C-alpha atoms as a PDB file:
ATOM      1  CA  MET A   1    -148.451 106.852 -67.692  1.00  0.00           C
ATOM      2  CA  ARG A   2    -149.379 105.658 -64.239  1.00  0.00           C
ATOM      3  CA  ARG A   3    -150.407 102.205 -65.574  1.00  0.00           C
ATOM      4  CA  LYS A   4    -147.112 101.862 -67.393  1.00  0.00           C
ATOM      5  CA  MET A   5    -145.116 102.723 -64.217  1.00  0.00           C
ATOM      6  CA  ILE A   6    -147.114 100.153 -62.243  1.00  0.00           C
ATOM      7  CA  SER A   7    -146.435  97.474 -64.730  1.00  0.00           C
ATOM      8  CA  VAL A   8    -142.743  98.268 -64.988  1.00  0.00           C
ATOM      9  CA  MET A   9    -142.539  98.214 -61.063  1.00  0.00           C
ATOM     10  CA  LEU A  10    -144.455  94.865 -61.056  1.00  0.00           C
ATOM     11  CA  ILE A  11    -141.988  93.309 -63.614  1.00  0.00           C
ATOM     12  CA  SER A  12    -139.080  94.577 -61.691  1.00  0.00           C
ATOM     13  CA  CYS A  13    -140.324  92.894 -58.453  1.00  0.00           C
ATOM     14  CA  VAL A  14    -140.906  89.633 -60.178  1.00  0.00           C
ATOM     15  CA  LEU A  15    -137.466  89.729 -61.893  1.00  0.00           C
ATOM     16  CA  PHE A  16    -135.728  90.414 -58.506  1.00  0.00           C
ATOM     17  CA  ALA A  17    -137.651  87.630 -56.870  1.00  0.00           C
ATOM     18  CA  VAL A  18    -136.907  84.966 -59.568  1.00  0.00           C
ATOM     19  CA  LEU A  19    -133.382  85.927 -60.375  1.00  0.00           C
ATOM     20  CA  PRO A  20    -131.735  84.242 -57.423  1.00  0.00           C
ATOM     21  CA  PHE A  21    -133.439  81.003 -58.219  1.00  0.00           C
ATOM     22  CA  MET A  22    -132.340  81.125 -61.817  1.00  0.00           C
ATOM     23  CA  SER A  23    -128.720  81.575 -60.926  1.00  0.00           C
ATOM     24  CA  ALA A  24    -128.547  78.825 -58.293  1.00  0.00           C
ATOM     25  CA  SER A  25    -126.853  75.662 -59.414  1.00  0.00           C
ATOM     26  CA  ALA A  26    -128.959  72.561 -59.745  1.00  0.00           C
ATOM     27  CA  ALA A  27    -125.957  70.325 -59.123  1.00  0.00           C
ATOM     28  CA  PRO A  28    -125.363  69.039 -55.567  1.00  0.00           C
ATOM     29  CA  ASN A  29    -122.354  70.572 -53.687  1.00  0.00           C
ATOM     30  CA  TYR A  30    -119.893  67.739 -53.184  1.00  0.00           C
ATOM     31  CA  PRO A  31    -116.781  68.309 -51.072  1.00  0.00           C
ATOM     32  CA  ALA A  32    -113.704  68.627 -53.107  1.00  0.00           C
ATOM     33  CA  LYS A  33    -110.083  69.689 -52.223  1.00  0.00           C
ATOM     34  CA  THR A  34    -107.179  70.673 -54.490  1.00  0.00           C
ATOM     35  CA  ILE A  35    -103.695  69.774 -53.397  1.00  0.00           C
ATOM     36  CA  THR A  36    -100.230  70.210 -55.234  1.00  0.00           C
ATOM     37  CA  GLY A  37     -97.372  67.863 -54.647  1.00  0.00           C
ATOM     38  CA  GLN A  38     -95.888  64.412 -55.473  1.00  0.00           C
ATOM     39  CA  GLY A  39     -95.397  61.053 -53.887  1.00  0.00           C
ATOM     40  CA  THR A  40     -98.096  59.200 -51.849  1.00  0.00           C
ATOM     41  CA  LEU A  41    -101.401  60.902 -51.567  1.00  0.00           C
ATOM     42  CA  LYS A  42    -103.379  60.062 -48.388  1.00  0.00           C
ATOM     43  CA  VAL A  43    -107.225  60.710 -48.328  1.00  0.00           C
ATOM     44  CA  VAL A  44    -109.076  60.220 -44.985  1.00  0.00           C
ATOM     45  CA  VAL A  45    -112.909  60.397 -45.115  1.00  0.00           C
ATOM     46  CA  GLU A  46    -115.131  59.935 -42.076  1.00  0.00           C
ATOM     47  CA  GLY A  47    -118.870  59.388 -42.794  1.00  0.00           C
ATOM     48  CA  GLU A  48    -121.995  58.552 -40.914  1.00  0.00           C
ATOM     49  CA  GLY A  49    -125.448  57.400 -41.963  1.00  0.00           C
ATOM     50  CA  GLY A  50    -128.319  59.689 -41.534  1.00  0.00           C
ATOM     51  CA  ARG A  51    -131.094  57.048 -41.264  1.00  0.00           C
ATOM     52  CA  PRO A  52    -129.854  54.265 -39.046  1.00  0.00           C
ATOM     53  CA  GLU A  53    -133.411  53.350 -37.949  1.00  0.00           C
ATOM     54  CA  HIS A  54    -133.983  52.120 -41.493  1.00  0.00           C
ATOM     55  CA  GLY A  55    -130.740  50.205 -41.669  1.00  0.00           C
ATOM     56  CA  VAL A  56    -129.209  52.571 -44.215  1.00  0.00           C
ATOM     57  CA  SER A  57    -125.449  52.076 -44.182  1.00  0.00           C
ATOM     58  CA  PRO A  58    -123.228  55.144 -45.157  1.00  0.00           C
ATOM     59  CA  TYR A  59    -121.604  54.925 -48.504  1.00  0.00           C
ATOM     60  CA  TRP A  60    -119.369  57.207 -50.489  1.00  0.00           C
ATOM     61  CA  SER A  61    -116.871  57.363 -53.361  1.00  0.00           C
ATOM     62  CA  VAL A  62    -113.516  59.025 -53.539  1.00  0.00           C
ATOM     63  CA  SER A  63    -111.953  60.177 -56.818  1.00  0.00           C
ATOM     64  CA  VAL A  64    -108.670  61.826 -57.633  1.00  0.00           C
ATOM     65  CA  THR A  65    -108.106  63.800 -60.935  1.00  0.00           C
ATOM     66  CA  ASN A  66    -104.910  65.419 -62.208  1.00  0.00           C
ATOM     67  CA  SER A  67    -104.626  68.986 -63.443  1.00  0.00           C
ATOM     68  CA  SER A  68    -105.696  67.945 -66.916  1.00  0.00           C
ATOM     69  CA  GLY A  69    -108.857  66.293 -65.749  1.00  0.00           C
ATOM     70  CA  GLN A  70    -107.811  62.705 -66.099  1.00  0.00           C
ATOM     71  CA  PRO A  71    -108.877  60.286 -63.414  1.00  0.00           C
ATOM     72  CA  VAL A  72    -105.961  58.954 -61.367  1.00  0.00           C
ATOM     73  CA  PHE A  73    -107.808  56.965 -58.628  1.00  0.00           C
ATOM     74  CA  ALA A  74    -111.339  55.953 -57.631  1.00  0.00           C
ATOM     75  CA  GLN A  75    -112.625  53.927 -54.743  1.00  0.00           C
ATOM     76  CA  SER A  76    -115.961  53.372 -53.061  1.00  0.00           C
ATOM     77  CA  TYR A  77    -116.448  52.691 -49.351  1.00  0.00           C
ATOM     78  CA  GLY A  78    -119.534  51.379 -47.590  1.00  0.00           C
ATOM     79  CA  GLY A  79    -120.139  51.107 -43.766  1.00  0.00           C
ATOM     80  CA  PRO A  80    -119.766  53.321 -40.846  1.00  0.00           C
ATOM     81  CA  GLY A  81    -116.381  54.691 -39.810  1.00  0.00           C
ATOM     82  CA  THR A  82    -113.383  56.107 -41.552  1.00  0.00           C
ATOM     83  CA  SER A  83    -111.898  55.193 -44.819  1.00  0.00           C
ATOM     84  CA  TYR A  84    -108.258  55.559 -45.747  1.00  0.00           C
ATOM     85  CA  SER A  85    -107.156  55.719 -49.329  1.00  0.00           C
ATOM     86  CA  TYR A  86    -103.609  55.887 -50.470  1.00  0.00           C
ATOM     87  CA  VAL A  87    -102.412  56.735 -54.137  1.00  0.00           C
ATOM     88  CA  TYR A  88     -98.807  55.802 -54.579  1.00  0.00           C
ATOM     89  CA  ASN A  89     -96.119  57.209 -56.895  1.00  0.00           C
ATOM     90  CA  LEU A  90     -97.886  60.375 -58.088  1.00  0.00           C
ATOM     91  CA  PRO A  91     -95.729  62.750 -60.161  1.00  0.00           C
ATOM     92  CA  TYR A  92     -95.669  66.357 -59.233  1.00  0.00           C
ATOM     93  CA  ASP A  93     -98.871  67.958 -60.246  1.00  0.00           C
ATOM     94  CA  THR A  94    -102.091  69.626 -58.875  1.00  0.00           C
ATOM     95  CA  TYR A  95    -104.714  67.116 -57.894  1.00  0.00           C
ATOM     96  CA  THR A  96    -108.415  67.496 -57.248  1.00  0.00           C
ATOM     97  CA  VAL A  97    -109.817  65.027 -54.659  1.00  0.00           C
ATOM     98  CA  GLY A  98    -113.618  64.722 -54.598  1.00  0.00           C
ATOM     99  CA  VAL A  99    -115.940  62.879 -52.123  1.00  0.00           C
ATOM    100  CA  TYR A 100    -119.416  61.729 -53.429  1.00  0.00           C
ATOM    101  CA  PRO A 101    -121.673  60.559 -50.569  1.00  0.00           C
ATOM    102  CA  SER A 102    -124.903  58.678 -51.009  1.00  0.00           C
ATOM    103  CA  ILE A 103    -128.140  60.433 -50.184  1.00  0.00           C
ATOM    104  CA  TRP A 104    -128.312  59.309 -46.635  1.00  0.00           C
ATOM    105  CA  THR A 105    -124.522  59.857 -45.801  1.00  0.00           C
ATOM    106  CA  GLY A 106    -123.035  62.789 -44.025  1.00  0.00           C
ATOM    107  CA  ILE A 107    -119.338  63.486 -44.367  1.00  0.00           C
ATOM    108  CA  SER A 108    -118.054  64.620 -41.012  1.00  0.00           C
ATOM    109  CA  ALA A 109    -114.231  64.766 -41.898  1.00  0.00           C
ATOM    110  CA  PHE A 110    -112.301  64.968 -45.109  1.00  0.00           C
ATOM    111  CA  LEU A 111    -108.502  65.211 -45.074  1.00  0.00           C
ATOM    112  CA  VAL A 112    -106.072  65.202 -47.936  1.00  0.00           C
ATOM    113  CA  SER A 113    -102.209  65.275 -47.598  1.00  0.00           C
ATOM    114  CA  PHE A 114     -99.063  64.150 -49.381  1.00  0.00           C
ATOM    115  CA  GLN A 115     -96.606  61.892 -47.189  1.00  0.00           C
END
């Protein structure tokens, strides 16, 4: 009886130790924002390189999809500073705007608005 209780406790400890790792997502967490509206969509992204001593330039991509998941806009930007993306004549819908930085790029600002 004692032996069974120890093995049950040991299995429980291992399960509670491993369970958080199993439920964690393996996909990277990219910034995304959802906005509802129509007209001209303005996307402002400011990025900076994490390894300037190696000459690595910041690089990111911006994508916009509508509520049905269809891509509406995609643009890539390379170089330090701020990128401004405009998507014109959008019908009224809910849009998801995602920013996908390179491995050495940090996104310091990400703004989305309808004008």
